[in-house]
């Protein structure tokens, strides 16, 4: 959601984080759990606390 809201493409985010763009897709679909280091880098990229991006509880679907 953050990525889309801020107009950042998967490739742009991946480039900034030093990961493959498919990794960003896996993260967004919940198919991959990031390392703590990567989670902190993602939060840092968006300048938000890591809890805004990741949680142990599932996030509600948009529109619910």
N, C-alpha and C. Protein backbone atom coordinates (compact mmCIF):
# COMPACT_ATOMS: atom_id res chain seq x y z
N UNK A 1 0.81 -1.19 0.00
CA UNK A 1 0.00 0.00 0.00
C UNK A 1 0.87 1.26 0.00
N UNK A 2 1.87 1.27 0.85
CA UNK A 2 2.76 2.44 0.90
C UNK A 2 3.41 2.69 -0.46
N UNK A 3 3.85 1.61 -1.08
CA UNK A 3 4.53 1.75 -2.36
C UNK A 3 3.59 2.37 -3.39
N UNK A 4 2.37 1.87 -3.47
CA UNK A 4 1.41 2.38 -4.44
C UNK A 4 1.02 3.82 -4.12
N UNK A 5 0.79 4.12 -2.84
CA UNK A 5 0.42 5.48 -2.44
C UNK A 5 1.47 6.50 -2.82
N UNK A 6 2.71 6.08 -2.75
CA UNK A 6 3.81 7.02 -3.00
C UNK A 6 4.32 6.97 -4.43
N UNK A 7 3.67 6.17 -5.26
CA UNK A 7 4.03 6.13 -6.68
C UNK A 7 5.39 5.52 -6.95
N UNK A 8 5.77 4.55 -6.13
CA UNK A 8 7.06 3.88 -6.29
C UNK A 8 6.82 2.53 -6.96
N UNK A 9 7.54 2.25 -8.03
CA UNK A 9 7.38 0.97 -8.71
C UNK A 9 8.12 -0.13 -7.93
N UNK A 10 7.78 -1.36 -8.23
CA UNK A 10 8.49 -2.48 -7.60
C UNK A 10 9.97 -2.42 -7.93
N UNK A 11 10.28 -2.11 -9.15
CA UNK A 11 11.70 -2.03 -9.57
C UNK A 11 12.43 -0.90 -8.84
N UNK A 12 11.76 0.24 -8.65
CA UNK A 12 12.41 1.35 -7.93
C UNK A 12 12.68 0.96 -6.48
N UNK A 13 11.70 0.36 -5.83
CA UNK A 13 11.89 -0.05 -4.44
C UNK A 13 12.97 -1.11 -4.34
N UNK A 14 12.93 -2.07 -5.23
CA UNK A 14 13.94 -3.13 -5.22
C UNK A 14 15.34 -2.55 -5.41
N UNK A 15 15.47 -1.61 -6.33
CA UNK A 15 16.77 -0.98 -6.56
C UNK A 15 17.28 -0.25 -5.34
N UNK A 16 16.38 0.45 -4.66
CA UNK A 16 16.77 1.20 -3.46
C UNK A 16 17.18 0.26 -2.33
N UNK A 17 16.56 -0.93 -2.30
CA UNK A 17 16.85 -1.89 -1.22
C UNK A 17 17.95 -2.87 -1.57
N UNK A 18 18.31 -2.94 -2.85
CA UNK A 18 19.35 -3.87 -3.27
C UNK A 18 18.85 -5.31 -3.36
N UNK A 19 17.56 -5.47 -3.71
CA UNK A 19 16.99 -6.81 -3.88
C UNK A 19 16.38 -6.90 -5.28
N UNK A 20 16.03 -8.12 -5.70
CA UNK A 20 15.39 -8.33 -6.99
C UNK A 20 13.95 -7.82 -6.91
N UNK A 21 13.44 -7.29 -8.01
CA UNK A 21 12.08 -6.74 -7.99
C UNK A 21 11.04 -7.81 -7.67
N UNK A 22 11.33 -9.07 -8.00
CA UNK A 22 10.38 -10.14 -7.67
C UNK A 22 10.27 -10.34 -6.16
N UNK A 23 11.34 -10.04 -5.44
CA UNK A 23 11.31 -10.14 -3.98
C UNK A 23 10.26 -9.20 -3.42
N UNK A 24 10.15 -8.00 -3.99
CA UNK A 24 9.15 -7.04 -3.54
C UNK A 24 7.75 -7.62 -3.77
N UNK A 25 7.54 -8.25 -4.90
CA UNK A 25 6.25 -8.88 -5.16
C UNK A 25 5.93 -9.98 -4.17
N UNK A 26 6.93 -10.82 -3.87
CA UNK A 26 6.73 -11.90 -2.89
C UNK A 26 6.36 -11.32 -1.52
N UNK A 27 7.03 -10.25 -1.13
CA UNK A 27 6.72 -9.60 0.15
C UNK A 27 5.29 -9.07 0.16
N UNK A 28 4.90 -8.41 -0.92
CA UNK A 28 3.58 -7.81 -0.97
C UNK A 28 2.47 -8.85 -0.94
N UNK A 29 2.72 -10.00 -1.51
CA UNK A 29 1.72 -11.08 -1.53
C UNK A 29 1.78 -11.95 -0.28
N UNK A 30 2.73 -11.69 0.60
CA UNK A 30 2.86 -12.47 1.82
C UNK A 30 3.47 -13.85 1.59
N UNK A 31 4.17 -14.01 0.48
CA UNK A 31 4.80 -15.28 0.14
C UNK A 31 6.22 -15.39 0.69
N UNK A 32 6.71 -14.32 1.27
CA UNK A 32 8.09 -14.26 1.76
C UNK A 32 8.12 -13.36 2.98
N UNK A 33 8.79 -13.80 4.02
CA UNK A 33 8.98 -12.98 5.21
C UNK A 33 10.41 -12.43 5.18
N UNK A 34 10.55 -11.13 5.29
CA UNK A 34 11.88 -10.54 5.18
C UNK A 34 12.72 -10.76 6.43
N UNK A 35 14.01 -10.66 6.25
CA UNK A 35 14.90 -10.64 7.41
C UNK A 35 14.63 -9.35 8.17
N UNK A 36 15.06 -9.31 9.41
CA UNK A 36 14.91 -8.08 10.20
C UNK A 36 15.62 -6.92 9.51
N UNK A 37 16.79 -7.18 8.97
CA UNK A 37 17.56 -6.14 8.29
C UNK A 37 16.78 -5.57 7.12
N UNK A 38 16.19 -6.44 6.29
CA UNK A 38 15.42 -5.97 5.14
C UNK A 38 14.16 -5.24 5.59
N UNK A 39 13.48 -5.75 6.61
CA UNK A 39 12.28 -5.09 7.12
C UNK A 39 12.60 -3.67 7.60
N UNK A 40 13.70 -3.52 8.29
CA UNK A 40 14.10 -2.19 8.77
C UNK A 40 14.48 -1.27 7.61
N UNK A 41 15.11 -1.82 6.58
CA UNK A 41 15.46 -1.01 5.41
C UNK A 41 14.21 -0.55 4.67
N UNK A 42 13.21 -1.42 4.56
CA UNK A 42 11.96 -1.04 3.91
C UNK A 42 11.28 0.07 4.70
N UNK A 43 11.18 -0.09 6.00
CA UNK A 43 10.58 0.94 6.84
C UNK A 43 11.36 2.25 6.73
N UNK A 44 12.67 2.15 6.71
CA UNK A 44 13.50 3.34 6.55
C UNK A 44 13.29 4.03 5.22
N UNK A 45 13.14 3.25 4.17
CA UNK A 45 12.88 3.82 2.84
C UNK A 45 11.62 4.67 2.86
N UNK A 46 10.57 4.16 3.51
CA UNK A 46 9.30 4.88 3.56
C UNK A 46 9.21 5.85 4.74
N UNK A 47 10.26 5.88 5.57
CA UNK A 47 10.33 6.78 6.72
C UNK A 47 9.15 6.59 7.67
N UNK A 48 8.87 5.32 7.99
CA UNK A 48 7.80 4.97 8.92
C UNK A 48 8.35 3.92 9.89
N UNK A 49 7.72 3.75 11.05
CA UNK A 49 8.13 2.68 11.95
C UNK A 49 7.88 1.31 11.29
N UNK A 50 8.70 0.35 11.62
CA UNK A 50 8.59 -0.97 11.00
C UNK A 50 7.21 -1.58 11.23
N UNK A 51 6.56 -1.23 12.35
CA UNK A 51 5.22 -1.77 12.65
C UNK A 51 4.17 -1.29 11.66
N UNK A 52 4.44 -0.20 10.96
CA UNK A 52 3.49 0.30 9.95
C UNK A 52 3.52 -0.61 8.72
N UNK A 53 4.66 -1.22 8.46
CA UNK A 53 4.83 -2.05 7.27
C UNK A 53 4.60 -3.52 7.57
N UNK A 54 5.03 -3.99 8.73
CA UNK A 54 4.96 -5.41 9.07
C UNK A 54 4.30 -5.61 10.43
N UNK A 55 3.57 -6.72 10.54
CA UNK A 55 2.88 -7.05 11.78
C UNK A 55 2.79 -8.56 11.91
N UNK A 56 2.68 -9.06 13.14
CA UNK A 56 2.47 -10.49 13.33
C UNK A 56 1.01 -10.85 13.10
N UNK A 57 0.13 -9.86 13.14
CA UNK A 57 -1.29 -10.06 12.85
C UNK A 57 -1.56 -9.67 11.41
N UNK A 58 -2.42 -10.41 10.72
CA UNK A 58 -2.73 -10.02 9.32
C UNK A 58 -3.40 -8.65 9.27
N UNK A 59 -3.04 -7.88 8.26
CA UNK A 59 -3.66 -6.59 8.06
C UNK A 59 -5.03 -6.82 7.44
N UNK A 60 -6.04 -6.02 7.82
CA UNK A 60 -7.35 -6.17 7.18
C UNK A 60 -7.26 -5.80 5.71
N UNK A 61 -8.07 -6.45 4.89
CA UNK A 61 -8.09 -6.14 3.47
C UNK A 61 -8.67 -4.75 3.27
N UNK A 62 -8.22 -4.07 2.26
CA UNK A 62 -8.70 -2.74 1.94
C UNK A 62 -10.19 -2.83 1.62
N UNK A 63 -10.97 -1.93 2.19
CA UNK A 63 -12.39 -1.89 1.91
C UNK A 63 -13.23 -2.69 2.90
N UNK A 64 -12.60 -3.24 3.91
CA UNK A 64 -13.35 -4.01 4.92
C UNK A 64 -13.44 -3.23 6.21
